[in-house]
Amino acid sequence: MERATTPKNGSTAADDAELVKRALVRDEAAVRAILKANNRRLYRLARGILRNDGEAEDVVQETYVRAFTHLTDFRGESSLSTCGSQ
């Protein structure tokens, strides 16, 4: 299995597009790279809003479920961290 790495200077749309492409074919390393690149910021945001560790963890998990459910909608015009629902 190919090893996925997270870009050190932040992800670019091209990097994310490649990770998404690989994640869509169930490349576990790509999925882990997406999670690793976004987890800290997503958790901090949820924790800051909810002020509860357990609830923040639940929100992060639900966010990932929704994101990976709609991964085919990613157009690669921005990085994954800037995507939002339309």
N, C-alpha and C. Protein backbone atom coordinates (compact mmCIF):
# COMPACT_ATOMS: atom_id res chain seq x y z
N MET A 1 0.85 -1.17 0.00
CA MET A 1 0.00 0.00 0.00
C MET A 1 0.89 1.24 0.00
N GLU A 2 0.53 2.23 -0.79
CA GLU A 2 1.30 3.47 -0.88
C GLU A 2 1.09 4.29 0.38
N ARG A 3 2.15 4.90 0.85
CA ARG A 3 2.07 5.70 2.07
C ARG A 3 1.69 7.13 1.72
N ALA A 4 0.69 7.67 2.40
CA ALA A 4 0.25 9.05 2.18
C ALA A 4 0.95 9.96 3.16
N THR A 5 1.32 11.12 2.70
CA THR A 5 1.94 12.10 3.59
C THR A 5 1.13 13.38 3.55
N THR A 6 1.17 14.09 4.64
CA THR A 6 0.51 15.37 4.73
C THR A 6 1.52 16.45 4.38
N PRO A 7 1.19 17.35 3.46
CA PRO A 7 2.12 18.41 3.11
C PRO A 7 2.48 19.25 4.32
N LYS A 8 3.76 19.60 4.47
CA LYS A 8 4.21 20.35 5.63
C LYS A 8 3.76 21.80 5.62
N ASN A 9 3.59 22.40 4.45
CA ASN A 9 3.21 23.81 4.35
C ASN A 9 1.71 23.98 4.15
N GLY A 10 0.92 23.05 4.61
CA GLY A 10 -0.51 23.11 4.38
C GLY A 10 -0.86 22.41 3.09
N SER A 11 -2.06 21.94 2.99
CA SER A 11 -2.44 21.21 1.79
C SER A 11 -2.88 22.17 0.70
N THR A 12 -2.70 21.72 -0.50
CA THR A 12 -3.16 22.49 -1.65
C THR A 12 -4.31 21.73 -2.28
N ALA A 13 -5.03 22.38 -3.16
CA ALA A 13 -6.14 21.73 -3.84
C ALA A 13 -5.65 20.51 -4.61
N ALA A 14 -4.47 20.61 -5.23
CA ALA A 14 -3.93 19.47 -5.99
C ALA A 14 -3.61 18.31 -5.07
N ASP A 15 -3.00 18.60 -3.91
CA ASP A 15 -2.69 17.54 -2.93
C ASP A 15 -3.98 16.88 -2.46
N ASP A 16 -4.96 17.70 -2.11
CA ASP A 16 -6.23 17.17 -1.62
C ASP A 16 -6.96 16.39 -2.70
N ALA A 17 -6.92 16.86 -3.93
CA ALA A 17 -7.58 16.15 -5.02
C ALA A 17 -6.99 14.75 -5.19
N GLU A 18 -5.67 14.65 -5.05
CA GLU A 18 -5.02 13.34 -5.14
C GLU A 18 -5.43 12.45 -3.97
N LEU A 19 -5.45 13.01 -2.76
CA LEU A 19 -5.88 12.23 -1.60
C LEU A 19 -7.33 11.77 -1.74
N VAL A 20 -8.19 12.65 -2.23
CA VAL A 20 -9.60 12.29 -2.43
C VAL A 20 -9.72 11.17 -3.45
N LYS A 21 -9.01 11.30 -4.54
CA LYS A 21 -9.02 10.27 -5.59
C LYS A 21 -8.64 8.91 -5.00
N ARG A 22 -7.59 8.91 -4.19
CA ARG A 22 -7.14 7.66 -3.58
C ARG A 22 -8.12 7.17 -2.51
N ALA A 23 -8.69 8.09 -1.74
CA ALA A 23 -9.65 7.70 -0.70
C ALA A 23 -10.90 7.08 -1.32
N LEU A 24 -11.28 7.56 -2.48
CA LEU A 24 -12.48 7.03 -3.15
C LEU A 24 -12.31 5.57 -3.58
N VAL A 25 -11.07 5.15 -3.75
CA VAL A 25 -10.81 3.74 -4.10
C VAL A 25 -10.37 2.97 -2.86
N ARG A 26 -10.72 3.52 -1.71
CA ARG A 26 -10.52 2.88 -0.40
C ARG A 26 -9.04 2.73 -0.01
N ASP A 27 -8.22 3.70 -0.39
CA ASP A 27 -6.82 3.71 0.02
C ASP A 27 -6.76 4.18 1.47
N GLU A 28 -6.49 3.26 2.37
CA GLU A 28 -6.50 3.56 3.80
C GLU A 28 -5.50 4.65 4.18
N ALA A 29 -4.35 4.65 3.55
CA ALA A 29 -3.33 5.66 3.86
C ALA A 29 -3.83 7.05 3.48
N ALA A 30 -4.55 7.18 2.40
CA ALA A 30 -5.10 8.47 1.98
C ALA A 30 -6.17 8.95 2.97
N VAL A 31 -7.01 8.04 3.40
CA VAL A 31 -8.05 8.39 4.38
C VAL A 31 -7.39 8.87 5.68
N ARG A 32 -6.37 8.15 6.11
CA ARG A 32 -5.67 8.55 7.34
C ARG A 32 -5.00 9.92 7.18
N ALA A 33 -4.45 10.18 6.00
CA ALA A 33 -3.80 11.47 5.75
C ALA A 33 -4.82 12.61 5.82
N ILE A 34 -6.00 12.38 5.28
CA ILE A 34 -7.07 13.40 5.33
C ILE A 34 -7.46 13.66 6.79
N LEU A 35 -7.64 12.58 7.54
CA LEU A 35 -8.00 12.73 8.96
C LEU A 35 -6.92 13.46 9.73
N LYS A 36 -5.67 13.06 9.53
CA LYS A 36 -4.56 13.66 10.26
C LYS A 36 -4.41 15.15 9.94
N ALA A 37 -4.62 15.50 8.68
CA ALA A 37 -4.44 16.89 8.26
C ALA A 37 -5.52 17.81 8.82
N ASN A 38 -6.69 17.27 9.14
CA ASN A 38 -7.82 18.12 9.52
C ASN A 38 -8.30 17.94 10.95
N ASN A 39 -7.88 16.88 11.61
CA ASN A 39 -8.46 16.53 12.90
C ASN A 39 -8.26 17.57 13.98
N ARG A 40 -7.05 18.05 14.15
CA ARG A 40 -6.76 18.99 15.25
C ARG A 40 -7.59 20.27 15.13
N ARG A 41 -7.60 20.85 13.94
CA ARG A 41 -8.34 22.11 13.75
C ARG A 41 -9.84 21.89 13.91
N LEU A 42 -10.34 20.80 13.36
CA LEU A 42 -11.77 20.51 13.46
C LEU A 42 -12.19 20.30 14.91
N TYR A 43 -11.37 19.54 15.67
CA TYR A 43 -11.69 19.31 17.07
C TYR A 43 -11.66 20.61 17.86
N ARG A 44 -10.63 21.42 17.63
CA ARG A 44 -10.54 22.70 18.36
C ARG A 44 -11.73 23.59 18.08
N LEU A 45 -12.16 23.62 16.85
CA LEU A 45 -13.32 24.42 16.49
C LEU A 45 -14.58 23.92 17.21
N ALA A 46 -14.81 22.61 17.14
CA ALA A 46 -15.99 22.03 17.80
C ALA A 46 -15.92 22.23 19.32
N ARG A 47 -14.74 22.03 19.88
CA ARG A 47 -14.58 22.18 21.34
C ARG A 47 -14.80 23.63 21.77
N GLY A 48 -14.34 24.57 20.96
CA GLY A 48 -14.52 25.97 21.27
C GLY A 48 -15.99 26.39 21.26
N ILE A 49 -16.75 25.79 20.39
CA ILE A 49 -18.18 26.11 20.29
C ILE A 49 -18.97 25.40 21.38
N LEU A 50 -18.70 24.11 21.56
CA LEU A 50 -19.52 23.29 22.46
C LEU A 50 -19.07 23.30 23.92
N ARG A 51 -17.78 23.59 24.15
CA ARG A 51 -17.22 23.60 25.51
C ARG A 51 -17.39 22.27 26.23
N ASN A 52 -17.38 21.18 25.45
CA ASN A 52 -17.54 19.85 26.03
C ASN A 52 -16.74 18.87 25.17
N ASP A 53 -15.78 18.18 25.79
CA ASP A 53 -14.91 17.27 25.03
C ASP A 53 -15.68 16.16 24.33
N GLY A 54 -16.57 15.51 25.05
CA GLY A 54 -17.33 14.40 24.48
C GLY A 54 -18.20 14.82 23.31
N GLU A 55 -18.89 15.93 23.48
CA GLU A 55 -19.74 16.43 22.39
C GLU A 55 -18.90 16.85 21.19
N ALA A 56 -17.75 17.45 21.46
CA ALA A 56 -16.86 17.86 20.36
C ALA A 56 -16.38 16.63 19.59
N GLU A 57 -16.02 15.56 20.29
CA GLU A 57 -15.60 14.34 19.62
C GLU A 57 -16.73 13.76 18.77
N ASP A 58 -17.96 13.80 19.29
CA ASP A 58 -19.11 13.31 18.52
C ASP A 58 -19.32 14.13 17.25
N VAL A 59 -19.19 15.45 17.37
CA VAL A 59 -19.37 16.33 16.22
C VAL A 59 -18.28 16.07 15.17
N VAL A 60 -17.06 15.89 15.63
CA VAL A 60 -15.97 15.61 14.70
C VAL A 60 -16.24 14.30 13.96
N GLN A 61 -16.66 13.28 14.68
CA GLN A 61 -16.95 12.00 14.06
C GLN A 61 -18.08 12.14 13.03
N GLU A 62 -19.14 12.83 13.39
CA GLU A 62 -20.26 13.03 12.46
C GLU A 62 -19.81 13.85 11.24
N THR A 63 -18.95 14.81 11.46
CA THR A 63 -18.43 15.61 10.36
C THR A 63 -17.67 14.74 9.37
N TYR A 64 -16.84 13.84 9.89
CA TYR A 64 -16.10 12.94 9.00
C TYR A 64 -17.04 12.00 8.25
N VAL A 65 -18.05 11.50 8.92
CA VAL A 65 -19.02 10.62 8.25
C VAL A 65 -19.66 11.36 7.08
N ARG A 66 -20.11 12.58 7.34
CA ARG A 66 -20.74 13.37 6.27
C ARG A 66 -19.75 13.71 5.16
N ALA A 67 -18.54 14.08 5.55
CA ALA A 67 -17.54 14.46 4.55
C ALA A 67 -17.20 13.27 3.65
N PHE A 68 -16.96 12.11 4.24
CA PHE A 68 -16.60 10.95 3.42
C PHE A 68 -17.79 10.42 2.64
N THR A 69 -19.00 10.63 3.12
CA THR A 69 -20.19 10.25 2.37
C THR A 69 -20.32 11.09 1.10
N HIS A 70 -19.87 12.33 1.15
CA HIS A 70 -19.99 13.25 0.01
C HIS A 70 -18.65 13.52 -0.67
N LEU A 71 -17.69 12.65 -0.48
CA LEU A 71 -16.36 12.84 -1.04
C LEU A 71 -16.39 12.93 -2.57
N THR A 72 -17.32 12.26 -3.19
CA THR A 72 -17.42 12.32 -4.66
C THR A 72 -17.80 13.70 -5.15
N ASP A 73 -18.34 14.54 -4.28
CA ASP A 73 -18.72 15.91 -4.66
C ASP A 73 -17.54 16.87 -4.66
N PHE A 74 -16.39 16.44 -4.13
CA PHE A 74 -15.22 17.32 -4.06
C PHE A 74 -14.72 17.58 -5.48
N ARG A 75 -14.67 18.86 -5.85
CA ARG A 75 -14.29 19.25 -7.21
C ARG A 75 -12.81 19.60 -7.33
N GLY A 76 -12.11 19.72 -6.23
CA GLY A 76 -10.69 20.02 -6.27
C GLY A 76 -10.37 21.47 -6.55
N GLU A 77 -11.34 22.36 -6.42
CA GLU A 77 -11.13 23.79 -6.67
C GLU A 77 -10.60 24.52 -5.44
N SER A 78 -10.59 23.84 -4.31
CA SER A 78 -10.08 24.41 -3.06
C SER A 78 -9.54 23.26 -2.24
N SER A 79 -8.92 23.58 -1.12
CA SER A 79 -8.43 22.51 -0.25
C SER A 79 -9.61 21.94 0.56
N LEU A 80 -9.44 20.75 1.06
CA LEU A 80 -10.51 20.14 1.85
C LEU A 80 -10.86 20.96 3.07
N SER A 81 -9.89 21.64 3.64
CA SER A 81 -10.15 22.40 4.86
C SER A 81 -10.99 23.65 4.62
N THR A 82 -11.16 24.07 3.38
CA THR A 82 -11.98 25.24 3.10
C THR A 82 -13.32 24.90 2.50
N CYS A 83 -13.59 23.63 2.32
CA CYS A 83 -14.86 23.21 1.70
C CYS A 83 -16.00 23.35 2.68
N GLY A 84 -17.13 23.62 2.17
CA GLY A 84 -18.34 23.70 2.97
C GLY A 84 -19.53 23.24 2.15
N SER A 85 -20.65 23.06 2.79
CA SER A 85 -21.83 22.63 2.06
C SER A 85 -22.44 23.82 1.32
N GLN A 86 -23.03 23.54 0.21
CA GLN A 86 -23.63 24.58 -0.63
C GLN A 86 -25.07 24.82 -0.25
